[in-house]
Amino acid sequence: MERLPPKEIQCDCGHTFTIDRRRYWCEKCANPVYYYENEKNTHKWNTFLIYLAALGAISFLAYVFIEMIVIPWSSLQ
């Protein structure tokens, strides 16, 4: 991991500390703090896309369950 020049960063919770890496964890609130501000937005988009993919997978599995199990089973009764 590359070392950057030390920089004073303030977390959203108000805790101030010095970091020399691209990402560091706040000791007070345990949230990620970034050396460059634009990497914070990238992290938010990546997290959103992971949640979206998980929701899509769960929705697909629910659809398959309904189409292949529930509907044929209800027609037997």
Protein backbone atom coordinates (compact mmCIF):
# COMPACT_ATOMS: atom_id res chain seq x y z
CA MET A 1 0.00 0.00 0.00
CA GLU A 2 1.37 3.35 -1.00
CA ARG A 3 2.13 5.96 1.62
CA LEU A 4 0.98 9.51 0.98
CA PRO A 5 2.11 12.72 2.62
CA PRO A 6 0.42 13.06 6.05
CA LYS A 7 -2.84 14.98 5.90
CA GLU A 8 -5.15 16.24 8.64
CA ILE A 9 -8.65 14.84 8.07
CA GLN A 10 -11.90 15.45 9.93
CA CYS A 11 -14.49 12.67 10.01
CA ASP A 12 -18.22 13.36 9.69
CA CYS A 13 -18.54 12.65 13.43
CA GLY A 14 -16.13 15.52 14.20
CA HIS A 15 -13.08 13.46 15.12
CA THR A 16 -9.85 14.89 13.64
CA PHE A 17 -6.72 12.83 12.97
CA THR A 18 -3.78 12.51 10.58
CA ILE A 19 -3.72 9.88 7.84
CA ASP A 20 -1.12 8.83 5.29
CA ARG A 21 -3.13 6.20 3.39
CA ARG A 22 -5.89 6.39 0.78
CA ARG A 23 -8.51 5.03 3.21
CA TYR A 24 -8.52 4.86 6.98
CA TRP A 25 -11.11 3.99 9.61
CA CYS A 26 -12.22 6.57 12.18
CA GLU A 27 -11.39 5.37 15.69
CA LYS A 28 -14.44 7.09 17.16
CA CYS A 29 -17.31 6.06 14.84
CA ALA A 30 -15.70 3.25 12.75
CA ASN A 31 -16.66 4.83 9.41
CA PRO A 32 -14.24 4.94 6.48
CA VAL A 33 -12.40 8.23 5.93
CA TYR A 34 -10.73 8.93 2.59
CA TYR A 35 -7.60 10.89 1.72
CA TYR A 36 -9.20 12.11 -1.52
CA GLU A 37 -12.80 13.35 -1.34
CA ASN A 38 -13.83 11.87 -4.71
CA GLU A 39 -13.09 8.32 -3.48
CA LYS A 40 -15.87 8.74 -0.91
CA ASN A 41 -18.42 9.05 -3.73
CA THR A 42 -16.95 6.02 -5.50
CA HIS A 43 -17.40 3.98 -2.30
CA LYS A 44 -21.05 5.09 -2.07
CA TRP A 45 -21.75 4.08 -5.69
CA ASN A 46 -20.04 0.71 -5.26
CA THR A 47 -22.08 0.02 -2.13
CA PHE A 48 -25.29 1.01 -3.95
CA LEU A 49 -24.50 -1.31 -6.86
CA ILE A 50 -23.81 -4.24 -4.52
CA TYR A 51 -27.18 -3.71 -2.80
CA LEU A 52 -28.89 -3.43 -6.19
CA ALA A 53 -27.32 -6.70 -7.40
CA ALA A 54 -28.34 -8.48 -4.18
CA LEU A 55 -31.92 -7.17 -4.51
CA GLY A 56 -32.03 -8.34 -8.13
CA ALA A 57 -30.81 -11.82 -7.19
CA ILE A 58 -33.36 -12.13 -4.39
CA SER A 59 -36.16 -10.91 -6.68
CA PHE A 60 -35.16 -13.41 -9.37
CA LEU A 61 -35.13 -16.27 -6.86
CA ALA A 62 -38.56 -15.23 -5.56
CA TYR A 63 -39.91 -15.14 -9.14
CA VAL A 64 -38.52 -18.60 -9.90
CA PHE A 65 -39.98 -19.95 -6.65
CA ILE A 66 -43.42 -18.57 -7.46
CA GLU A 67 -43.41 -19.73 -11.10
CA MET A 68 -41.99 -23.20 -10.57
CA ILE A 69 -43.33 -24.22 -7.16
CA VAL A 70 -46.29 -22.16 -5.96
CA ILE A 71 -48.32 -21.93 -9.17
CA PRO A 72 -48.06 -25.65 -10.13
CA TRP A 73 -48.70 -26.68 -6.52
CA SER A 74 -51.83 -24.48 -6.25
CA SER A 75 -53.25 -25.93 -9.47
CA LEU A 76 -53.12 -29.44 -7.99
CA GLN A 77 -55.58 -28.57 -5.22
